[in-house]
Amino acid sequence: MKPTLIIALFTSVAASAAFAEGDVGDSTAGKRAFSQCQACHVVVDGEGNTLAGRRSRTGPNLFGIIGMQAGTVEDFRYSTDLVEAGEQGLTWDEETFVAYSLDPVKFLRAFLDDRRARGKMTFKVRKSEDAVNLYAFIKSVSPPVAPDLEDN
């Protein structure tokens, strides 16, 4: 099965649960949900201002990842599988971000069509609405995305 089709199926199931519960794409709720991410991630702008998190270095800085090729945040050592996924076209938009954050290993295995693929992120966001809201929050504190990279 093509990775795009797998991602679409996985995301549609996750997103449908989020839409059913209401609070979809709420950046304020996403900021609250970020508390579960801040043990590993931070959002620091280009001027060094911490917008969210606690300067953790376990995971990459999430500032400006929307529209970015996966595995390319400067000064972070990614797994070879995530870098490969980026080289094969994985970019972060709502669909891919939500699917990845709900189950990073399952997502990478499907995207790369490799049952052994895995990234460094082992944490799974438990609720699909939290994943959607996290995306909305990260997008709200990131620089504008070029129109050709915008998601729906």
Foldseek 3Di string as FASTA:
>chain_A
DALVVVLVVLLVVQVVQLVVVPLFLAQVLLLVLCVVVQCAEWAADPVGRTPHHDPHPNDYHLAAQQLPQFPDRPPHDKDPLRVVLSVVPDGDALSLQLSCQQQVLVSSCSNVVNNPDGIPDGHHDPHSRNSRNNRSNSCVRHDDDDPVRHDD
